[in-house]
């Protein structure tokens, strides 16, 4: 089973029991006593029992051919080990780059109805980022790039450096899917939940739909992204659950 468990996705279920294991404060999952490994063949060692239980439940739910798309927690945990763990500095840089051109900083010049709606929805988060996170972000009207203070960008990187690999895997999705470093951190820091934040991140799209009607293909894609956004919030909670309680 070394390396086989997560690499042969076309395989059918070959185990009777998925069980959580623990060793030195880390948690894994064993299939009939054989440890689950990541696609890169690393041991899948997780930070909390809650996450390991969620992964075990996904394996237990497999019936017949293994379907990785039905195993989102397992896939995110694999990414935390194989991708974030191997490229931590690059991942931090990638996420922090969103603070340099945060969506919330670029406002419409017109019409007034959209300008007012952006200010009402986005200004509270800009203020929260300044007060709670120490991020002094500059806003502008139009699409011309506005330089952010060097201290703000360094602060964004420092905030991410405090996080575990598993939290960074979730933060990557929270930030990239919303298009906003501030909104991603707002979910991560409990300022608001994913369900509340998601429409804030889509304000411009929703306004356009009100004016010209919804596009079915765009709405379908947005629904898929909303599901991924909600999963990232759940995965982050799983990564931190045991610390919280």
Protein backbone atom coordinates (compact mmCIF):
# COMPACT_ATOMS: atom_id res chain seq x y z
CA UNK A 1 0.00 0.00 0.00
CA UNK A 2 3.04 2.30 0.21
CA UNK A 3 2.24 4.92 -2.41
CA UNK A 4 -0.51 2.84 -3.93
CA UNK A 5 -3.40 4.14 -1.87
CA UNK A 6 -3.59 7.65 -3.33
CA UNK A 7 -1.90 7.18 -6.71
CA UNK A 8 -4.09 4.51 -8.31
CA UNK A 9 -7.34 6.48 -8.39
CA UNK A 10 -8.93 4.00 -10.83
CA UNK A 11 -8.63 1.20 -8.29
CA UNK A 12 -11.69 -0.22 -6.60
CA UNK A 13 -12.20 -0.30 -2.86
CA UNK A 14 -9.85 -2.92 -1.42
CA UNK A 15 -10.18 -2.26 2.32
CA UNK A 16 -12.78 -3.06 4.94
CA UNK A 17 -12.03 -0.36 7.52
CA UNK A 18 -10.60 3.16 7.52
CA UNK A 19 -9.29 4.04 10.97
CA UNK A 20 -7.69 7.15 12.50
CA UNK A 21 -4.19 6.68 13.86
CA UNK A 22 -2.08 8.90 16.12
CA UNK A 23 1.64 9.19 16.68
CA UNK A 24 3.56 12.00 18.35
CA UNK A 25 0.68 14.43 18.15
CA UNK A 26 -0.01 13.91 14.44
CA UNK A 27 -2.94 12.02 12.96
CA UNK A 28 -3.23 9.70 9.99
CA UNK A 29 -5.63 7.24 8.43
CA UNK A 30 -5.00 3.53 8.00
CA UNK A 31 -6.88 1.24 5.62
CA UNK A 32 -6.94 -2.18 7.23
CA UNK A 33 -3.82 -1.14 9.11
CA UNK A 34 -1.98 0.25 6.07
CA UNK A 35 -1.22 3.97 6.27
CA UNK A 36 -2.67 6.27 3.63
CA UNK A 37 -0.02 8.18 1.73
CA UNK A 38 -0.20 11.23 -0.51
CA UNK A 39 0.18 11.06 -4.32
CA UNK A 40 3.85 11.97 -3.79
CA UNK A 41 4.10 8.96 -1.45
CA UNK A 42 4.61 11.04 1.69
CA UNK A 43 2.87 9.94 4.89
CA UNK A 44 -0.46 11.74 5.20
CA UNK A 45 0.06 13.16 8.69
CA UNK A 46 -2.54 15.74 9.73
CA UNK A 47 -2.57 18.32 12.52
CA UNK A 48 -5.91 17.46 14.15
CA UNK A 49 -7.99 14.43 14.95
CA UNK A 50 -11.01 16.20 13.46
CA UNK A 51 -9.35 16.40 10.06
CA UNK A 52 -8.21 12.79 10.18
CA UNK A 53 -11.74 11.71 11.08
CA UNK A 54 -13.10 13.64 8.09
CA UNK A 55 -10.56 11.96 5.80
CA UNK A 56 -11.38 8.52 7.23
CA UNK A 57 -15.08 9.18 6.64
CA UNK A 58 -14.37 10.01 2.98
CA UNK A 59 -12.50 6.75 2.52
CA UNK A 60 -15.25 4.82 4.30
CA UNK A 61 -17.84 6.37 1.98
CA UNK A 62 -16.15 4.99 -1.15
CA UNK A 63 -18.19 2.27 -2.79
CA UNK A 64 -16.70 0.46 -5.74
CA UNK A 65 -14.31 2.63 -7.81
CA UNK A 66 -12.49 5.29 -5.80
CA UNK A 67 -13.75 8.76 -6.75
CA UNK A 68 -11.27 11.49 -5.70
CA UNK A 69 -13.80 14.24 -6.48
CA UNK A 70 -15.94 12.94 -3.63
CA UNK A 71 -13.00 13.32 -1.22
CA UNK A 72 -12.36 17.08 -0.88
CA UNK A 73 -10.78 16.95 2.58
CA UNK A 74 -8.39 14.21 1.47
CA UNK A 75 -7.42 16.21 -1.62
CA UNK A 76 -6.79 19.38 0.38
CA UNK A 77 -4.75 17.48 2.97
CA UNK A 78 -2.67 15.97 0.15
CA UNK A 79 -2.07 19.45 -1.26
CA UNK A 80 -0.98 20.74 2.15
CA UNK A 81 1.64 18.00 2.40
CA UNK A 82 2.83 17.64 -1.20
CA UNK A 83 2.52 21.23 -2.46
CA UNK A 84 2.56 23.67 0.45
CA UNK A 85 5.01 21.61 2.46
CA UNK A 86 7.43 21.43 -0.47
CA UNK A 87 7.00 25.02 -1.69
CA UNK A 88 6.03 26.92 1.44
CA UNK A 89 7.91 30.15 0.67
CA UNK A 90 6.56 30.26 -2.89
CA UNK A 91 3.00 29.64 -1.69
CA UNK A 92 3.25 32.46 0.86
CA UNK A 93 4.57 34.79 -1.85
CA UNK A 94 1.75 33.76 -4.20
CA UNK A 95 -0.98 34.45 -1.64
CA UNK A 96 0.59 37.67 -0.36
CA UNK A 97 0.69 39.02 -3.93
CA UNK A 98 -3.08 39.46 -3.75
CA UNK A 99 -2.55 42.21 -1.17
CA UNK A 100 -0.58 44.13 -3.78
CA UNK A 101 -3.60 44.33 -6.08
CA UNK A 102 -6.53 43.50 -3.82
CA UNK A 103 -9.86 43.59 -5.63
CA UNK A 104 -11.36 45.74 -2.88
CA UNK A 105 -8.89 48.53 -3.65
CA UNK A 106 -10.08 49.08 -7.24
CA UNK A 107 -13.38 50.94 -7.38
CA UNK A 108 -15.69 51.88 -10.20
CA UNK A 109 -15.70 55.48 -11.39
CA UNK A 110 -19.35 55.25 -12.42
CA UNK A 111 -22.28 54.74 -12.34
CA UNK A 112 -23.03 56.20 -8.94
CA UNK A 113 -25.18 53.22 -7.93
CA UNK A 114 -22.24 50.84 -8.32
CA UNK A 115 -19.80 53.26 -6.69
CA UNK A 116 -22.09 53.52 -3.67
CA UNK A 117 -22.64 49.78 -3.45
CA UNK A 118 -18.91 49.06 -3.52
CA UNK A 119 -18.26 51.61 -0.80
CA UNK A 120 -21.01 50.20 1.39
CA UNK A 121 -19.88 46.59 1.00
CA UNK A 122 -16.10 46.96 0.78
CA UNK A 123 -15.16 49.91 2.99
CA UNK A 124 -15.92 48.01 6.24
CA UNK A 125 -13.49 45.26 5.24
CA UNK A 126 -10.76 47.75 4.29
CA UNK A 127 -11.24 49.38 7.71
CA UNK A 128 -11.20 45.99 9.46
CA UNK A 129 -7.97 45.03 7.68
CA UNK A 130 -6.35 48.24 8.89
CA UNK A 131 -7.53 47.90 12.48
CA UNK A 132 -7.37 44.14 13.03
CA UNK A 133 -4.56 43.06 10.71
CA UNK A 134 -2.37 46.16 10.42
CA UNK A 135 -2.83 46.34 6.65
CA UNK A 136 -2.94 49.94 5.43
CA UNK A 137 -4.35 49.43 1.94
CA UNK A 138 -4.78 52.32 -0.49
CA UNK A 139 -7.87 52.42 -2.73
CA UNK A 140 -8.33 54.04 -6.13
CA UNK A 141 -11.01 54.67 -8.75
CA UNK A 142 -10.38 52.93 -12.05
CA UNK A 143 -7.99 50.17 -13.07
CA UNK A 144 -4.66 52.03 -12.97
CA UNK A 145 -2.39 50.24 -10.52
CA UNK A 146 -1.93 51.84 -7.12
CA UNK A 147 1.24 50.99 -5.20
CA UNK A 148 0.68 49.66 -1.72
CA UNK A 149 3.05 50.64 1.12
CA UNK A 150 6.02 48.32 1.46
CA UNK A 151 5.17 47.81 5.13
CA UNK A 152 1.69 46.63 4.20
CA UNK A 153 3.03 44.04 1.79
CA UNK A 154 5.56 42.81 4.34
CA UNK A 155 2.79 42.60 6.92
CA UNK A 156 0.74 40.43 4.55
CA UNK A 157 3.64 38.00 4.21
CA UNK A 158 4.23 38.00 7.97
CA UNK A 159 0.59 37.14 8.65
CA UNK A 160 0.81 34.15 6.32
CA UNK A 161 4.12 32.99 7.79
CA UNK A 162 2.33 32.46 11.10
CA UNK A 163 0.08 29.82 9.55
CA UNK A 164 0.60 26.07 9.26
CA UNK A 165 0.94 24.34 5.89
CA UNK A 166 -2.63 23.07 6.24
CA UNK A 167 -4.00 26.53 7.00
CA UNK A 168 -2.07 27.95 4.04
CA UNK A 169 -3.67 25.38 1.73
CA UNK A 170 -7.07 26.71 2.79
CA UNK A 171 -5.98 30.36 2.67
CA UNK A 172 -4.72 29.92 -0.88
CA UNK A 173 -8.23 28.99 -1.98
CA UNK A 174 -10.00 31.57 0.19
CA UNK A 175 -7.87 34.35 -1.27
CA UNK A 176 -7.61 33.22 -4.89
CA UNK A 177 -11.29 32.34 -5.26
CA UNK A 178 -12.45 35.64 -3.78
CA UNK A 179 -9.76 37.66 -5.57
CA UNK A 180 -9.04 39.46 -2.32
CA UNK A 181 -6.39 39.02 0.35
CA UNK A 182 -8.63 40.96 2.75
CA UNK A 183 -11.74 38.85 2.16
CA UNK A 184 -9.78 35.61 2.42
CA UNK A 185 -8.30 36.71 5.74
CA UNK A 186 -11.73 37.92 6.88
CA UNK A 187 -13.00 34.34 6.64
CA UNK A 188 -9.84 32.92 8.18
CA UNK A 189 -9.92 35.33 11.13
CA UNK A 190 -13.66 34.98 11.78
CA UNK A 191 -14.66 38.48 10.64
CA UNK A 192 -17.44 36.86 8.60
CA UNK A 193 -18.31 33.42 7.24
CA UNK A 194 -17.80 32.17 3.70
CA UNK A 195 -21.53 32.38 3.00
CA UNK A 196 -21.53 36.10 3.82
CA UNK A 197 -18.21 36.90 2.16
CA UNK A 198 -18.85 35.15 -1.16
CA UNK A 199 -21.46 37.62 -2.51
CA UNK A 200 -19.23 40.50 -1.34
CA UNK A 201 -16.48 39.12 -3.57
CA UNK A 202 -18.93 38.92 -6.50
CA UNK A 203 -20.44 42.36 -6.05
CA UNK A 204 -19.51 43.59 -9.54
CA UNK A 205 -20.80 40.43 -11.22
CA UNK A 206 -24.05 40.55 -9.29
CA UNK A 207 -24.53 44.21 -10.18
CA UNK A 208 -23.96 43.45 -13.87
CA UNK A 209 -26.49 40.61 -13.70
CA UNK A 210 -29.05 43.00 -12.25
CA UNK A 211 -28.53 45.38 -15.18
CA UNK A 212 -28.30 42.95 -18.08
CA UNK A 213 -29.55 39.62 -16.79
CA UNK A 214 -27.72 36.56 -15.50
CA UNK A 215 -25.49 34.40 -17.68
CA UNK A 216 -26.20 30.72 -17.04
CA UNK A 217 -22.65 29.58 -17.77
CA UNK A 218 -21.17 32.27 -15.53
CA UNK A 219 -23.61 31.45 -12.75
CA UNK A 220 -22.79 27.74 -12.98
CA UNK A 221 -19.07 28.50 -12.70
CA UNK A 222 -19.73 30.83 -9.78
CA UNK A 223 -21.70 28.10 -7.99
CA UNK A 224 -18.78 25.70 -8.39
CA UNK A 225 -16.39 28.30 -6.99
CA UNK A 226 -18.76 29.06 -4.11
CA UNK A 227 -18.72 25.39 -3.15
CA UNK A 228 -14.91 25.36 -3.23
CA UNK A 229 -14.86 28.56 -1.15
CA UNK A 230 -17.10 26.98 1.49
CA UNK A 231 -14.91 23.87 1.52
CA UNK A 232 -11.80 25.99 2.12
CA UNK A 233 -13.49 27.51 5.17
CA UNK A 234 -14.36 24.04 6.46
CA UNK A 235 -10.85 22.71 5.82
CA UNK A 236 -9.34 25.62 7.73
CA UNK A 237 -11.65 24.92 10.65
CA UNK A 238 -10.60 21.27 10.62
CA UNK A 239 -6.95 22.29 10.61
CA UNK A 240 -7.49 24.38 13.75
CA UNK A 241 -10.29 22.56 15.57
CA UNK A 242 -8.24 20.73 18.17
CA UNK A 243 -6.31 23.90 19.04
CA UNK A 244 -9.58 25.72 19.62
CA UNK A 245 -10.99 23.14 21.93
